[in-house]
Structure formats: structure tokens, C-alpha cells
Amino acid sequence: MTAIADNAMAAVLARRWRDPAAWTTTVDICAILLAASLPWSTSLVGIFATVLLLTRLPFLDLAALWRLARRPICAVPIALFALAAIGMLWSDADWAARTYAVKPAAKLLFLPILFYHFQRSERGLWVLIAFLVSCVLLEAASWLVAFAPSMTMKPHGFETRGVVVKDYIDQSQEFALCAVALVYPVIQLLRAGRIWQAALLAAIAFSFVANMAFVIVSRTALVTMPIMVAVFGLVHLRWRTNLMILAGVAALGTVAFLASPQLESTVTSFSSDYRQYKETGRATSIGERLEFWQKSLRFVAEAPVFGHGTGATRGLFERAAEGQTGAAAAVIGNPHNQTLNVAVQWGLLGVATLYAMWLCHLMLFRGEGLVNWIGLLVVVQNIFTSLFNSHVFDFHEGWMYVLGVGIAGGMALKAFATDNSASVQSLGHGTGR
């Protein structure tokens, strides 16, 4: 009997091994785990991304993937990675620095795989929901840590109020994205008369905003979140409704500013940091950024077309900091601006490629519906937060971009293909009559 059972099990496993649907399910599970782990871990993201790639390979239609890879939504990010790889040839940095600088662009190579898979999968929305649920759990933990700091998972000496893992910049990016993304389904549910469901999602969105107002928020999220809300209004609402929302947001922002010492401190730090930098040259956050940007512009002017090469940024800043003090003495390998980060290394050619990628992905999400809204929001957030950081190349925000665009983009491509097929069939039936 044992031998019979073993043979039966072996037969089942063999069938599953040869079953494309089983492999598709496995990839879906990997994507869900990848999205759920992103708010919490960096190592798990790398593990699940690798497993996702390996489990997608056995039944990959190479001809279909090649056709997809030639489309601008894939070809341009691939070109940006290729430019980073080729840029090692004219860099004067050591090879360890050149290789290290290529790695942040490598995640862009996942975009064709995600587009390809979620054109065929039925579980794309599950992955997006997994990310939302994970962020809700992180938010609950953030409130807990705000009142019980010893509960944080951060190493001693790196604790930040209300931050459980990673840092407050990553956390703010997640919470801002989730809060604004939920506005669309809330509006749709209200229009459909599903009040309780709308109230639940609105409460979740409000809880994210409350956490950023009363626990901790990054200045980048504070600046870019109103832009994200404005994009929603311009795309989905009438101008009168936009004016009402603008007045409401202004009123709530004023109340939150007056009620939250944490938010007041964050807002006033803009002017205080700038004033200290201008008056004393102190290395404040804003002062250092202004120094990074000014020096980066000089570096770009020295090599405007092809840049200084991959990984050359730190060496340039080291030479520029010689004999300097305060903010001017800061040395960094990332100028905290995506455009300048690209321009210093690969010149205007790199900037054109970066902007082409953003434009292609914006155009991908021109349609209606929740999926297009999420994809559009991910791209818009990345563009505007990249004014103050290098959020295409940063690990956490870069993976937010790749996952959001890749999954929502695959679903959008699938919906577009389905609509086209339905139109062709309808036209065929009409011709037949």
C-alpha cells in the first residue's frame, strides 16, 4: 500500500511539474509574498524576487516576451540599465564602485517579466491587496511603537519615533501611496451606494494620514502627497468638487498642524534648516541637498552628453569637498535627486532615457478603472519624490515602482487586449449580418 501511495504521489507531482497553471499559481504566490514583505524586509524582497524569476522561466513564451520587450514600456527601462552597464567603460571610479552603482538599475529588468506574467494571471489584484494589508499592519505597529518605543525592531541607536523597521522615509512613501490610492475605490463605492464598504476604506485611508500627522512623516511625502491628491482631482473629478476638496484639505491640514507638535516641527524645519544653512553653512538636511545639487550641476556641465560614467559620483564629491567645511564638506554617492543622479553619471543621454521611461509608463495608464489609477499614482509619486531623492534607484521606493508599474501595467495590458478582442469580434458579427 505504501508503494502504491508513493507512486500515486509521484504521479501527481509529475503532473503538477508539467502543468503551466501550477507554475503560474506559484509565481502569483511569490509576487504576493514579495509585495507583502516589501514594507518589512529587504532580504525577503530579494529572495522572493529571485524565486519569482526562477518559477516563471520553465513555461516562458520567449517569442511573446521578446515582442513585449521591444515595446517602449519595456525597451526604455532596459535601455536605462544598459546605459548604466555601458557607462562603466568611461568611469574613473574603481571597478567595485562601478559594479555597485549598476545594481540599483538592475531591478528595472523585472518590468518585462511582471508585464508578461500579469497579462496572463488572474491574481494581480491579490498582490496589490497584499501590499495594502501589509502596510495596514505596519501602520498598526507604528502606532504601537510610538507609545512603546521598546517594541521597535530597529537596532539600538537607530530608533526613530513610530518606526518599526527600515526608516521613516520608506514608511511615509508607503502610507502616502496607500492613502491616496484608496480615494478612488471610496468614490466609486459611494457612487454605487455601498456606504459601509466606502466608510471602511475611508477609515483606513484616514488612519494612514493620521499616522503621518501625529506620529512621523517625511518632508518628501509632506510635499508630494498634495500633488498626488491634485492629480486624482484633475483626472477623476469635476472642478467644483476639486474646489470643495481643496478647501477641505486646507482646513484639515490647518487643524492637523495646530494639533500635532510632530507635524508642526516637520513643517517648520523647512525654513529653520534653510536659514541655518544660509547663515552659518551648517550641514542641515536642506543645506546639504542644496550643496549636492549645486555641485552636481557643475559636474554635469563638465561632461554634459555622456556624463562621468557609472559610479563616478562619490569621487567627484570627494574632490569637490577638499578644504571645505560644514555642508560644503559633505561627500555622497547620491545627490538626492534622480535627474541629477542620472545626469552626473550618464549625461543628457541618461536624463532623456529616464524621462522617456516615466513618460511611457504614464501613457500606459491612460485608461479608466482602479488598476489604471494605481499605476498612474505609482508613476506620479515616483516622479515627484525623485525631485528630492533618487527613488528609481533607491531599494525600497525603486521596488515600489517596479512592482506597482509591472503588476498594474500587466493588468492594464490584459484589459486593453480583451477590449480590442471584443471590438474585433463585435465588428466581425456586424459584418456577418
Protein backbone atom coordinates (compact mmCIF):
# COMPACT_ATOMS: atom_id res chain seq x y z
CA MET A 1 0.00 0.00 0.00
CA THR A 2 2.86 2.33 0.81
CA ALA A 3 4.41 1.74 -2.59
CA ILE A 4 1.06 2.44 -4.29
CA ALA A 5 0.66 5.67 -2.31
CA ASP A 6 4.21 6.74 -3.17
CA ASN A 7 3.63 6.03 -6.85
CA ALA A 8 0.37 7.98 -6.79
CA MET A 9 2.08 10.92 -5.10
CA ALA A 10 4.91 10.80 -7.63
CA ALA A 11 2.39 10.81 -10.48
CA VAL A 12 0.58 13.83 -9.01
CA LEU A 13 3.85 15.72 -8.54
CA ALA A 14 4.92 14.88 -12.10
CA ARG A 15 1.63 16.21 -13.47
CA ARG A 16 1.97 19.37 -11.37
CA TRP A 17 5.56 19.78 -12.55
CA ARG A 18 4.41 19.75 -16.18
CA ASP A 19 1.30 21.89 -15.53
CA PRO A 20 1.71 25.55 -16.64
CA ALA A 21 -1.22 26.58 -14.43
CA ALA A 22 0.57 25.24 -11.36
CA TRP A 23 3.67 27.26 -12.20
CA THR A 24 1.53 30.36 -12.77
CA THR A 25 0.00 29.92 -9.33
CA THR A 26 3.47 29.56 -7.83
CA VAL A 27 4.58 32.82 -9.45
CA ASP A 28 1.44 34.53 -8.15
CA ILE A 29 2.21 33.34 -4.63
CA CYS A 30 5.79 34.62 -4.93
CA ALA A 31 4.52 38.01 -6.10
CA ILE A 32 2.05 38.18 -3.20
CA LEU A 33 4.79 37.34 -0.71
CA LEU A 34 7.13 39.82 -2.36
CA ALA A 35 4.59 42.65 -2.09
CA ALA A 36 3.69 41.72 1.49
CA SER A 37 7.33 41.62 2.56
CA LEU A 38 8.36 44.92 0.93
CA PRO A 39 7.24 47.16 3.84
CA TRP A 40 9.10 44.96 6.33
CA SER A 41 12.25 43.44 4.85
CA THR A 42 14.93 43.91 2.23
CA SER A 43 16.35 40.39 2.28
CA LEU A 44 12.94 38.77 1.80
CA VAL A 45 12.30 41.00 -1.21
CA GLY A 46 15.49 39.72 -2.83
CA ILE A 47 14.62 36.10 -2.02
CA PHE A 48 11.05 36.25 -3.34
CA ALA A 49 12.09 38.19 -6.43
CA THR A 50 14.65 35.51 -7.27
CA VAL A 51 12.18 32.68 -6.69
CA LEU A 52 9.58 34.51 -8.79
CA LEU A 53 12.00 34.76 -11.68
CA LEU A 54 13.06 31.11 -11.44
CA THR A 55 9.48 29.81 -11.26
CA ARG A 56 8.41 31.94 -14.24
CA LEU A 57 11.17 30.61 -16.53
CA PRO A 58 10.03 26.99 -17.19
CA PHE A 59 6.92 27.94 -19.21
CA LEU A 60 8.05 31.29 -20.55
CA ASP A 61 6.96 32.04 -24.11
CA LEU A 62 10.18 33.59 -25.34
CA ALA A 63 8.65 34.88 -28.58
CA ALA A 64 5.87 36.67 -26.69
CA LEU A 65 8.34 38.06 -24.16
CA TRP A 66 10.56 39.33 -26.96
CA ARG A 67 7.61 41.10 -28.61
CA LEU A 68 6.75 42.69 -25.27
CA ALA A 69 10.38 43.66 -24.56
CA ARG A 70 10.51 45.62 -27.82
CA ARG A 71 7.64 47.85 -26.71
CA PRO A 72 8.73 51.21 -25.26
CA ILE A 73 7.32 50.40 -21.79
CA CYS A 74 9.96 47.66 -21.55
CA ALA A 75 12.63 48.75 -24.01
CA VAL A 76 13.27 52.11 -22.37
CA PRO A 77 13.88 50.82 -18.80
CA ILE A 78 16.07 48.08 -20.30
CA ALA A 79 17.96 50.82 -22.15
CA LEU A 80 18.46 52.72 -18.89
CA PHE A 81 20.01 49.63 -17.32
CA ALA A 82 22.13 49.04 -20.43
CA LEU A 83 23.38 52.62 -20.24
CA ALA A 84 24.36 52.05 -16.60
CA ALA A 85 26.26 48.92 -17.60
CA ILE A 86 28.00 50.51 -20.59
CA GLY A 87 28.74 53.63 -18.53
CA MET A 88 31.27 51.62 -16.52
CA LEU A 89 33.61 51.83 -19.52
CA TRP A 90 34.32 55.58 -19.23
CA SER A 91 34.13 55.94 -15.45
CA ASP A 92 37.28 56.69 -13.46
CA ALA A 93 35.91 55.02 -10.31
CA ASP A 94 37.33 51.68 -9.19
CA TRP A 95 35.54 48.61 -10.52
CA ALA A 96 33.91 47.81 -7.19
CA ALA A 97 32.23 51.24 -7.20
CA ARG A 98 31.19 50.86 -10.85
CA THR A 99 29.63 47.45 -10.24
CA TYR A 100 27.88 48.66 -7.09
CA ALA A 101 26.39 51.62 -9.00
CA VAL A 102 24.90 49.35 -11.69
CA LYS A 103 22.93 47.23 -9.21
CA PRO A 104 20.18 49.80 -8.42
CA ALA A 105 19.19 49.89 -12.09
CA ALA A 106 19.03 46.08 -12.37
CA LYS A 107 15.58 45.91 -10.77
CA LEU A 108 14.18 47.59 -13.89
CA LEU A 109 14.81 44.31 -15.74
CA PHE A 110 11.94 42.79 -13.75
CA LEU A 111 9.43 45.02 -15.52
CA PRO A 112 9.13 42.90 -18.71
CA ILE A 113 8.69 39.74 -16.60
CA LEU A 114 5.96 41.35 -14.48
CA PHE A 115 4.19 42.79 -17.53
CA TYR A 116 4.33 39.38 -19.21
CA HIS A 117 3.10 37.43 -16.19
CA PHE A 118 0.26 39.70 -15.12
CA GLN A 119 -1.04 39.89 -18.67
CA ARG A 120 -1.84 36.22 -18.11
CA SER A 121 -2.54 35.99 -14.38
CA GLU A 122 -5.92 36.46 -12.70
CA ARG A 123 -4.41 37.40 -9.34
CA GLY A 124 -2.82 40.78 -9.95
CA LEU A 125 -5.28 42.49 -7.64
CA TRP A 126 -4.38 39.99 -4.90
CA VAL A 127 -0.79 41.25 -4.99
CA LEU A 128 -1.87 44.87 -4.66
CA ILE A 129 -4.19 43.97 -1.78
CA ALA A 130 -1.34 42.08 -0.08
CA PHE A 131 0.76 45.25 -0.16
CA LEU A 132 -2.11 47.28 1.30
CA VAL A 133 -2.77 44.77 4.09
CA SER A 134 0.93 44.65 4.92
CA CYS A 135 1.02 48.45 5.14
CA VAL A 136 -2.04 48.43 7.42
CA LEU A 137 -0.22 46.03 9.74
CA LEU A 138 2.90 48.20 9.62
CA GLU A 139 0.79 51.24 10.47
CA ALA A 140 -0.70 49.46 13.50
CA ALA A 141 2.82 48.55 14.60
CA SER A 142 3.90 52.16 14.08
CA TRP A 143 1.22 53.41 16.48
CA LEU A 144 2.31 50.77 18.99
CA VAL A 145 5.96 51.74 18.75
CA ALA A 146 5.07 55.43 19.05
CA PHE A 147 3.73 54.75 22.55
CA ALA A 148 6.05 51.84 23.41
CA PRO A 149 9.43 52.58 21.76
CA SER A 150 11.00 49.41 23.14
CA MET A 151 8.81 47.39 20.73
CA THR A 152 10.74 48.61 17.68
CA MET A 153 12.73 46.15 15.58
CA LYS A 154 15.35 48.79 14.79
CA PRO A 155 18.86 48.25 16.26
CA HIS A 156 19.74 50.21 19.37
CA GLY A 157 20.94 53.66 18.42
CA PHE A 158 18.87 53.80 15.21
CA GLU A 159 15.43 54.12 16.80
CA THR A 160 13.05 56.68 15.34
CA ARG A 161 9.70 57.56 16.85
CA GLY A 162 6.95 55.40 15.35
CA VAL A 163 9.29 53.47 13.02
CA VAL A 164 9.29 49.68 13.39
CA VAL A 165 11.60 48.68 10.53
CA LYS A 166 13.59 50.46 7.80
CA ASP A 167 13.17 54.26 8.09
CA TYR A 168 10.52 56.95 8.22
CA ILE A 169 11.05 57.96 4.58
CA ASP A 170 10.17 54.48 3.30
CA GLN A 171 7.25 54.27 5.73
CA SER A 172 5.87 57.65 4.65
CA GLN A 173 6.10 56.68 0.98
CA GLU A 174 4.03 53.56 1.61
CA PHE A 175 1.43 55.27 3.74
CA ALA A 176 1.03 58.19 1.33
CA LEU A 177 0.63 55.84 -1.64
CA CYS A 178 -1.98 53.70 0.12
CA ALA A 179 -3.93 56.66 1.48
CA VAL A 180 -4.29 58.39 -1.90
CA ALA A 181 -4.81 55.13 -3.83
CA LEU A 182 -7.83 54.35 -1.64
CA VAL A 183 -9.57 57.59 -2.65
CA TYR A 184 -10.63 56.09 -6.00
CA PRO A 185 -12.42 52.99 -4.65
CA VAL A 186 -14.01 55.11 -1.90
CA ILE A 187 -15.52 57.46 -4.51
CA GLN A 188 -16.67 54.55 -6.68
CA LEU A 189 -18.29 52.76 -3.73
CA LEU A 190 -20.09 55.93 -2.67
CA ARG A 191 -21.43 56.39 -6.19
CA ALA A 192 -22.66 52.79 -6.12
CA GLY A 193 -24.40 53.34 -2.77
CA ARG A 194 -22.15 50.88 -0.90
CA ILE A 195 -21.73 53.12 2.11
CA TRP A 196 -20.27 50.65 4.62
CA GLN A 197 -17.53 49.43 2.30
CA ALA A 198 -16.69 53.03 1.39
CA ALA A 199 -16.60 54.01 5.07
CA LEU A 200 -14.22 51.14 5.87
CA LEU A 201 -11.74 52.08 3.14
CA ALA A 202 -12.04 55.77 4.03
CA ALA A 203 -11.24 54.94 7.65
CA ILE A 204 -8.12 53.03 6.55
CA ALA A 205 -7.01 55.93 4.36
CA PHE A 206 -7.64 58.40 7.18
CA SER A 207 -5.65 56.24 9.60
CA PHE A 208 -2.62 56.45 7.30
CA VAL A 209 -2.94 60.23 7.16
CA ALA A 210 -3.40 60.42 10.94
CA ASN A 211 -0.24 58.37 11.46
CA MET A 212 1.74 60.74 9.25
CA ALA A 213 0.26 63.75 11.03
CA PHE A 214 0.66 62.63 14.63
CA VAL A 215 3.45 60.04 14.63
CA ILE A 216 6.04 60.77 11.93
CA VAL A 217 6.20 61.86 8.29
CA SER A 218 8.99 62.60 5.85
CA ARG A 219 9.20 66.04 4.30
CA THR A 220 9.22 64.43 0.85
CA ALA A 221 5.81 62.83 1.49
CA LEU A 222 4.53 66.06 3.00
CA VAL A 223 5.36 67.94 -0.21
CA THR A 224 4.31 65.31 -2.75
CA MET A 225 1.10 63.97 -1.20
CA PRO A 226 -0.94 67.10 -2.06
CA ILE A 227 0.29 66.76 -5.65
CA MET A 228 -0.97 63.17 -5.74
CA VAL A 229 -4.37 64.27 -4.43
CA ALA A 230 -4.45 67.05 -7.05
CA VAL A 231 -3.75 64.51 -9.81
CA PHE A 232 -6.72 62.45 -8.66
CA GLY A 233 -8.96 65.51 -8.73
CA LEU A 234 -7.82 66.57 -12.19
CA VAL A 235 -8.28 63.09 -13.64
CA HIS A 236 -11.47 61.93 -11.94
CA LEU A 237 -13.47 64.86 -10.52
CA ARG A 238 -15.28 68.00 -11.70
CA TRP A 239 -13.76 71.40 -10.96
CA ARG A 240 -16.41 72.29 -8.37
CA THR A 241 -15.71 69.09 -6.47
CA ASN A 242 -12.00 69.85 -6.69
CA LEU A 243 -12.55 73.25 -5.11
CA MET A 244 -14.53 71.67 -2.28
CA ILE A 245 -11.80 69.07 -1.72
CA LEU A 246 -9.12 71.78 -1.82
CA ALA A 247 -10.95 73.75 0.86
CA GLY A 248 -11.43 70.59 2.96
CA VAL A 249 -7.78 69.56 2.65
CA ALA A 250 -6.65 73.06 3.60
CA ALA A 251 -8.92 73.04 6.66
CA LEU A 252 -7.80 69.57 7.76
CA GLY A 253 -4.16 70.47 7.18
CA THR A 254 -4.51 73.57 9.34
CA VAL A 255 -6.19 71.62 12.14
CA ALA A 256 -3.55 68.87 11.97
CA PHE A 257 -0.75 71.47 12.01
CA LEU A 258 -2.18 73.13 15.11
CA ALA A 259 -2.99 69.84 16.87
CA SER A 260 0.22 67.92 16.12
CA PRO A 261 3.55 69.13 17.52
CA GLN A 262 5.27 66.47 15.38
CA LEU A 263 3.73 67.82 12.15
CA GLU A 264 4.41 71.42 13.18
CA SER A 265 8.06 70.56 13.83
CA THR A 266 8.39 68.86 10.43
CA VAL A 267 6.84 71.79 8.57
CA THR A 268 8.84 74.48 10.37
CA SER A 269 12.07 72.54 9.82
CA PHE A 270 11.97 73.59 6.15
CA SER A 271 12.59 77.24 6.98
CA SER A 272 14.82 76.66 10.03
CA ASP A 273 17.12 74.24 8.16
CA TYR A 274 17.44 76.65 5.23
CA ARG A 275 18.09 79.64 7.48
CA GLN A 276 20.81 77.84 9.46
CA TYR A 277 22.47 76.71 6.24
CA LYS A 278 22.48 80.20 4.69
CA GLU A 279 23.60 81.98 7.87
CA THR A 280 26.19 79.56 9.22
CA GLY A 281 26.82 76.97 6.47
CA ARG A 282 25.68 74.28 8.89
CA ALA A 283 25.16 70.81 7.39
CA THR A 284 21.37 70.68 7.71
CA SER A 285 19.30 68.32 5.58
CA ILE A 286 18.13 71.08 3.25
CA GLY A 287 21.56 72.72 3.24
CA GLU A 288 23.27 69.50 2.20
CA ARG A 289 20.74 68.94 -0.57
CA LEU A 290 21.34 72.42 -1.96
CA GLU A 291 25.08 71.77 -1.89
CA PHE A 292 24.62 68.40 -3.60
CA TRP A 293 22.51 69.96 -6.33
CA GLN A 294 24.81 72.91 -6.97
CA LYS A 295 27.87 70.69 -7.21
CA SER A 296 26.03 68.15 -9.36
CA LEU A 297 25.11 70.85 -11.86
CA ARG A 298 28.81 71.74 -12.13
CA PHE A 299 29.68 68.07 -12.65
CA VAL A 300 27.07 67.80 -15.40
CA ALA A 301 28.43 70.91 -17.11
CA GLU A 302 31.86 69.24 -17.23
CA ALA A 303 30.51 66.20 -19.13
CA PRO A 304 27.04 67.13 -20.42
CA VAL A 305 26.39 64.47 -23.05
CA PHE A 306 27.63 61.13 -21.70
CA GLY A 307 28.41 62.08 -18.09
CA HIS A 308 31.32 60.96 -15.95
CA GLY A 309 30.46 57.26 -16.04
CA THR A 310 28.84 54.74 -13.73
CA GLY A 311 29.90 55.05 -10.09
CA ALA A 312 31.87 58.27 -10.58
CA THR A 313 29.64 60.41 -8.33
CA ARG A 314 31.34 59.80 -4.98
CA GLY A 315 34.79 60.51 -6.36
CA LEU A 316 33.58 63.81 -7.80
CA PHE A 317 32.11 64.85 -4.45
CA GLU A 318 35.28 63.81 -2.61
CA ARG A 319 37.40 66.06 -4.80
CA ALA A 320 34.90 68.93 -4.53
CA ALA A 321 34.85 68.66 -0.69
CA GLU A 322 38.59 69.11 -0.25
CA GLY A 323 39.28 72.06 2.04
CA GLN A 324 35.56 72.71 2.64
CA THR A 325 33.64 72.86 5.94
CA GLY A 326 30.01 72.46 7.01
CA ALA A 327 27.50 71.42 4.36
CA ALA A 328 30.06 72.02 1.60
CA ALA A 329 32.27 69.27 3.06
CA ALA A 330 29.63 66.55 2.72
CA VAL A 331 30.58 63.62 0.49
CA ILE A 332 27.93 61.36 -1.01
CA GLY A 333 27.43 58.97 -3.89
CA ASN A 334 23.82 60.05 -4.44
CA PRO A 335 22.90 63.75 -4.94
CA HIS A 336 19.35 63.14 -3.68
CA ASN A 337 17.72 63.97 -7.00
CA GLN A 338 17.02 61.29 -9.59
CA THR A 339 17.63 63.54 -12.58
CA LEU A 340 20.99 64.77 -11.26
CA ASN A 341 21.97 61.26 -10.18
CA VAL A 342 21.49 60.10 -13.77
CA ALA A 343 22.91 63.25 -15.38
CA VAL A 344 26.18 63.16 -13.42
CA GLN A 345 26.85 59.56 -14.46
CA TRP A 346 25.36 59.38 -17.98
CA GLY A 347 24.73 62.96 -19.03
CA LEU A 348 21.79 64.24 -21.02
CA LEU A 349 21.55 60.88 -22.77
CA GLY A 350 20.70 59.27 -19.44
CA VAL A 351 18.24 62.02 -18.50
CA ALA A 352 16.42 61.62 -21.82
CA THR A 353 16.18 57.86 -21.21
CA LEU A 354 14.88 58.35 -17.65
CA TYR A 355 12.23 60.84 -18.72
CA ALA A 356 11.22 58.63 -21.65
CA MET A 357 10.64 55.77 -19.20
CA TRP A 358 8.43 57.89 -16.97
CA LEU A 359 6.50 59.17 -19.99
CA CYS A 360 5.95 55.68 -21.44
CA HIS A 361 4.64 54.42 -18.12
CA LEU A 362 2.37 57.44 -17.67
CA MET A 363 0.90 56.80 -21.11
CA LEU A 364 0.35 53.14 -20.22
CA PHE A 365 -2.19 54.13 -17.56
CA ARG A 366 -4.38 56.48 -19.59
CA GLY A 367 -7.50 54.33 -19.19
CA GLU A 368 -10.22 54.28 -16.56
CA GLY A 369 -10.56 51.97 -13.58
CA LEU A 370 -8.81 51.13 -10.34
CA VAL A 371 -5.80 49.41 -11.93
CA ASN A 372 -5.01 52.38 -14.17
CA TRP A 373 -5.41 54.73 -11.23
CA ILE A 374 -2.96 52.75 -9.09
CA GLY A 375 -0.42 52.53 -11.90
CA LEU A 376 -0.72 56.24 -12.66
CA LEU A 377 -0.34 57.12 -8.99
CA VAL A 378 2.79 54.98 -8.60
CA VAL A 379 4.45 56.75 -11.54
CA VAL A 380 3.36 60.23 -10.41
CA GLN A 381 4.61 59.61 -6.86
CA ASN A 382 7.95 58.36 -8.15
CA ILE A 383 8.41 61.35 -10.46
CA PHE A 384 7.76 63.97 -7.80
CA THR A 385 9.52 62.26 -4.89
CA SER A 386 12.50 61.87 -7.21
CA LEU A 387 12.91 65.64 -7.07
CA PHE A 388 14.29 65.17 -3.55
CA ASN A 389 15.66 61.60 -3.72
CA SER A 390 16.79 59.01 -6.25
CA HIS A 391 13.65 56.93 -5.92
CA VAL A 392 14.09 54.89 -9.08
CA PHE A 393 17.43 53.60 -7.80
CA ASP A 394 16.72 53.52 -4.04
CA PHE A 395 15.94 49.97 -2.96
CA HIS A 396 12.58 50.39 -1.29
CA GLU A 397 10.99 53.08 -3.47
CA GLY A 398 12.51 51.53 -6.59
CA TRP A 399 10.81 48.21 -5.85
CA MET A 400 7.56 50.05 -5.12
CA TYR A 401 7.84 51.49 -8.62
CA VAL A 402 8.77 48.22 -10.31
CA LEU A 403 6.05 46.21 -8.57
CA GLY A 404 3.36 48.87 -8.95
CA VAL A 405 4.05 49.59 -12.61
CA GLY A 406 4.77 45.96 -13.51
CA ILE A 407 1.68 44.45 -11.90
CA ALA A 408 -0.78 47.23 -12.72
CA GLY A 409 0.76 47.53 -16.19
CA GLY A 410 0.33 43.84 -16.92
CA MET A 411 -3.31 44.01 -15.83
CA ALA A 412 -3.86 47.13 -17.95
CA LEU A 413 -2.32 45.45 -20.99
CA LYS A 414 -4.58 42.45 -20.45
CA ALA A 415 -7.69 44.62 -20.20
CA PHE A 416 -6.67 46.53 -23.32
CA ALA A 417 -6.15 43.30 -25.27
CA THR A 418 -9.52 41.96 -24.07
CA ASP A 419 -11.29 45.15 -25.14
CA ASN A 420 -9.64 45.03 -28.55
CA SER A 421 -10.62 41.38 -28.99
CA ALA A 422 -14.21 42.14 -28.05
CA SER A 423 -14.27 45.04 -30.52
CA VAL A 424 -12.93 42.86 -33.32
CA GLN A 425 -15.48 40.12 -32.58
CA SER A 426 -18.28 42.68 -32.48
CA LEU A 427 -17.14 44.10 -35.81
CA GLY A 428 -16.96 40.60 -37.26
CA HIS A 429 -20.52 39.78 -36.18
CA GLY A 430 -21.73 43.05 -37.60
CA THR A 431 -20.07 42.34 -40.95
CA GLY A 432 -21.57 38.86 -40.96
CA ARG A 433 -25.06 40.26 -40.69
